[in-house]
Amino acid sequence: MNISEYQRGYQDAARELITWLHEEAASMNDPHARRILDGAAFGLGVKINRPEHKRAVEIRGQHSANKQT
């Protein structure tokens, strides 16, 4: 399945954000702060993998593709 450039950019940015949150959590001394950032990263990962969210990104990607033509 081919995905639009918009979708690829969205997925890549989300992955980078999740990675950054986990790395920030790993650098902290406070276990409570680590849990909060790890939980935020996990929640973001769950959200971007929901079918309704993926469909919304797909629709936005089609809209931006239509603007360029």
N, C-alpha and C. Protein backbone atom coordinates (compact mmCIF):
# COMPACT_ATOMS: atom_id res chain seq x y z
N MET A 1 0.84 -1.18 0.00
CA MET A 1 0.00 0.00 0.00
C MET A 1 0.89 1.25 0.00
N ASN A 2 0.63 2.12 -0.93
CA ASN A 2 1.38 3.38 -1.00
C ASN A 2 0.72 4.40 -0.09
N ILE A 3 1.55 5.14 0.62
CA ILE A 3 1.01 6.21 1.45
C ILE A 3 1.51 7.54 0.92
N SER A 4 0.75 8.56 1.20
CA SER A 4 1.11 9.88 0.69
C SER A 4 2.33 10.43 1.42
N GLU A 5 2.92 11.43 0.82
CA GLU A 5 4.07 12.09 1.42
C GLU A 5 3.67 12.70 2.77
N TYR A 6 2.45 13.21 2.84
CA TYR A 6 1.93 13.79 4.08
C TYR A 6 1.89 12.73 5.18
N GLN A 7 1.32 11.56 4.85
CA GLN A 7 1.23 10.49 5.84
C GLN A 7 2.60 10.03 6.29
N ARG A 8 3.53 9.89 5.35
CA ARG A 8 4.89 9.47 5.70
C ARG A 8 5.54 10.49 6.64
N GLY A 9 5.39 11.76 6.32
CA GLY A 9 5.95 12.81 7.19
C GLY A 9 5.33 12.80 8.57
N TYR A 10 4.02 12.58 8.62
CA TYR A 10 3.31 12.54 9.89
C TYR A 10 3.81 11.37 10.73
N GLN A 11 3.91 10.19 10.12
CA GLN A 11 4.38 9.01 10.84
C GLN A 11 5.82 9.18 11.32
N ASP A 12 6.67 9.70 10.46
CA ASP A 12 8.07 9.90 10.84
C ASP A 12 8.19 10.89 12.00
N ALA A 13 7.43 11.98 11.93
CA ALA A 13 7.47 12.98 13.01
C ALA A 13 6.96 12.39 14.32
N ALA A 14 5.90 11.60 14.25
CA ALA A 14 5.36 10.98 15.46
C ALA A 14 6.38 10.01 16.07
N ARG A 15 7.04 9.24 15.24
CA ARG A 15 8.06 8.31 15.74
C ARG A 15 9.21 9.06 16.40
N GLU A 16 9.63 10.16 15.77
CA GLU A 16 10.72 10.95 16.35
C GLU A 16 10.31 11.53 17.70
N LEU A 17 9.07 11.99 17.80
CA LEU A 17 8.59 12.55 19.06
C LEU A 17 8.54 11.48 20.15
N ILE A 18 8.06 10.32 19.82
CA ILE A 18 7.99 9.23 20.79
C ILE A 18 9.40 8.85 21.25
N THR A 19 10.32 8.75 20.31
CA THR A 19 11.72 8.43 20.65
C THR A 19 12.30 9.51 21.55
N TRP A 20 12.05 10.76 21.21
CA TRP A 20 12.57 11.87 22.01
C TRP A 20 12.02 11.82 23.44
N LEU A 21 10.72 11.54 23.59
CA LEU A 21 10.12 11.46 24.93
C LEU A 21 10.79 10.35 25.75
N HIS A 22 10.99 9.19 25.13
CA HIS A 22 11.65 8.09 25.85
C HIS A 22 13.09 8.44 26.22
N GLU A 23 13.80 9.11 25.31
CA GLU A 23 15.18 9.49 25.62
C GLU A 23 15.24 10.52 26.74
N GLU A 24 14.33 11.47 26.73
CA GLU A 24 14.26 12.46 27.81
C GLU A 24 13.96 11.77 29.14
N ALA A 25 13.03 10.82 29.10
CA ALA A 25 12.68 10.09 30.32
C ALA A 25 13.90 9.34 30.86
N ALA A 26 14.67 8.73 29.97
CA ALA A 26 15.84 7.96 30.39
C ALA A 26 16.91 8.85 31.02
N SER A 27 16.92 10.12 30.64
CA SER A 27 17.95 11.02 31.17
C SER A 27 17.58 11.63 32.53
N MET A 28 16.38 11.36 33.02
CA MET A 28 15.91 11.98 34.26
C MET A 28 16.22 11.11 35.47
N ASN A 29 16.45 11.78 36.58
CA ASN A 29 16.71 11.07 37.85
C ASN A 29 15.43 10.76 38.60
N ASP A 30 14.41 11.54 38.39
CA ASP A 30 13.14 11.39 39.12
C ASP A 30 12.30 10.28 38.48
N PRO A 31 12.04 9.19 39.20
CA PRO A 31 11.27 8.09 38.62
C PRO A 31 9.84 8.51 38.24
N HIS A 32 9.27 9.43 39.00
CA HIS A 32 7.92 9.91 38.67
C HIS A 32 7.93 10.65 37.33
N ALA A 33 8.91 11.49 37.12
CA ALA A 33 9.04 12.21 35.85
C ALA A 33 9.26 11.25 34.69
N ARG A 34 10.08 10.22 34.92
CA ARG A 34 10.31 9.21 33.87
C ARG A 34 9.01 8.52 33.49
N ARG A 35 8.24 8.14 34.51
CA ARG A 35 6.97 7.46 34.24
C ARG A 35 6.01 8.36 33.46
N ILE A 36 5.99 9.63 33.79
CA ILE A 36 5.10 10.57 33.09
C ILE A 36 5.48 10.66 31.62
N LEU A 37 6.78 10.86 31.33
CA LEU A 37 7.20 10.98 29.94
C LEU A 37 7.04 9.66 29.18
N ASP A 38 7.37 8.55 29.81
CA ASP A 38 7.17 7.26 29.16
C ASP A 38 5.68 7.01 28.90
N GLY A 39 4.84 7.41 29.84
CA GLY A 39 3.39 7.27 29.65
C GLY A 39 2.88 8.14 28.53
N ALA A 40 3.43 9.35 28.41
CA ALA A 40 3.03 10.24 27.32
C ALA A 40 3.44 9.64 25.98
N ALA A 41 4.63 9.09 25.90
CA ALA A 41 5.10 8.46 24.66
C ALA A 41 4.22 7.27 24.31
N PHE A 42 3.90 6.46 25.31
CA PHE A 42 3.04 5.31 25.08
C PHE A 42 1.66 5.75 24.59
N GLY A 43 1.08 6.74 25.25
CA GLY A 43 -0.23 7.24 24.86
C GLY A 43 -0.24 7.79 23.45
N LEU A 44 0.81 8.49 23.07
CA LEU A 44 0.92 9.00 21.71
C LEU A 44 1.00 7.85 20.71
N GLY A 45 1.78 6.84 21.04
CA GLY A 45 1.88 5.67 20.16
C GLY A 45 0.55 4.97 19.98
N VAL A 46 -0.20 4.85 21.06
CA VAL A 46 -1.53 4.23 20.97
C VAL A 46 -2.45 5.08 20.09
N LYS A 47 -2.42 6.39 20.32
CA LYS A 47 -3.30 7.28 19.56
C LYS A 47 -3.02 7.23 18.07
N ILE A 48 -1.75 7.30 17.67
CA ILE A 48 -1.46 7.35 16.24
C ILE A 48 -1.71 6.02 15.55
N ASN A 49 -1.87 4.95 16.31
CA ASN A 49 -2.15 3.64 15.70
C ASN A 49 -3.62 3.26 15.70
N ARG A 50 -4.49 4.13 16.21
CA ARG A 50 -5.92 3.85 16.16
C ARG A 50 -6.42 4.00 14.72
N PRO A 51 -7.28 3.09 14.28
CA PRO A 51 -7.78 3.16 12.89
C PRO A 51 -8.44 4.50 12.55
N GLU A 52 -9.20 5.06 13.47
CA GLU A 52 -9.88 6.33 13.17
C GLU A 52 -8.87 7.48 13.02
N HIS A 53 -7.79 7.42 13.77
CA HIS A 53 -6.76 8.45 13.65
C HIS A 53 -6.00 8.29 12.33
N LYS A 54 -5.68 7.05 11.98
CA LYS A 54 -5.00 6.81 10.71
C LYS A 54 -5.85 7.28 9.54
N ARG A 55 -7.15 7.05 9.63
CA ARG A 55 -8.06 7.49 8.56
C ARG A 55 -8.09 9.02 8.48
N ALA A 56 -8.09 9.69 9.61
CA ALA A 56 -8.09 11.16 9.62
C ALA A 56 -6.83 11.71 8.97
N VAL A 57 -5.69 11.08 9.25
CA VAL A 57 -4.43 11.51 8.63
C VAL A 57 -4.47 11.26 7.13
N GLU A 58 -5.03 10.13 6.74
CA GLU A 58 -5.17 9.82 5.32
C GLU A 58 -6.02 10.87 4.60
N ILE A 59 -7.12 11.25 5.22
CA ILE A 59 -8.00 12.27 4.63
C ILE A 59 -7.28 13.61 4.52
N ARG A 60 -6.56 14.00 5.58
CA ARG A 60 -5.80 15.26 5.52
C ARG A 60 -4.74 15.20 4.44
N GLY A 61 -4.11 14.05 4.28
CA GLY A 61 -3.10 13.89 3.23
C GLY A 61 -3.69 14.04 1.85
N GLN A 62 -4.89 13.52 1.65
CA GLN A 62 -5.56 13.68 0.35
C GLN A 62 -5.92 15.13 0.11
N HIS A 63 -6.33 15.81 1.15
CA HIS A 63 -6.70 17.22 1.02
C HIS A 63 -5.49 18.06 0.62
N SER A 64 -4.35 17.81 1.26
CA SER A 64 -3.15 18.59 0.93
C SER A 64 -2.65 18.25 -0.47
N ALA A 65 -2.83 17.00 -0.91
CA ALA A 65 -2.42 16.61 -2.27
C ALA A 65 -3.30 17.31 -3.30
N ASN A 66 -4.58 17.47 -3.00
CA ASN A 66 -5.50 18.14 -3.92
C ASN A 66 -5.19 19.62 -4.04
N LYS A 67 -4.68 20.23 -2.99
CA LYS A 67 -4.32 21.65 -3.03
C LYS A 67 -3.16 21.91 -3.96
N GLN A 68 -2.23 20.96 -4.05
CA GLN A 68 -1.02 21.16 -4.85
C GLN A 68 -1.28 21.04 -6.33
N THR A 69 -2.32 20.36 -6.73
CA THR A 69 -2.59 20.17 -8.17
C THR A 69 -3.44 21.27 -8.73
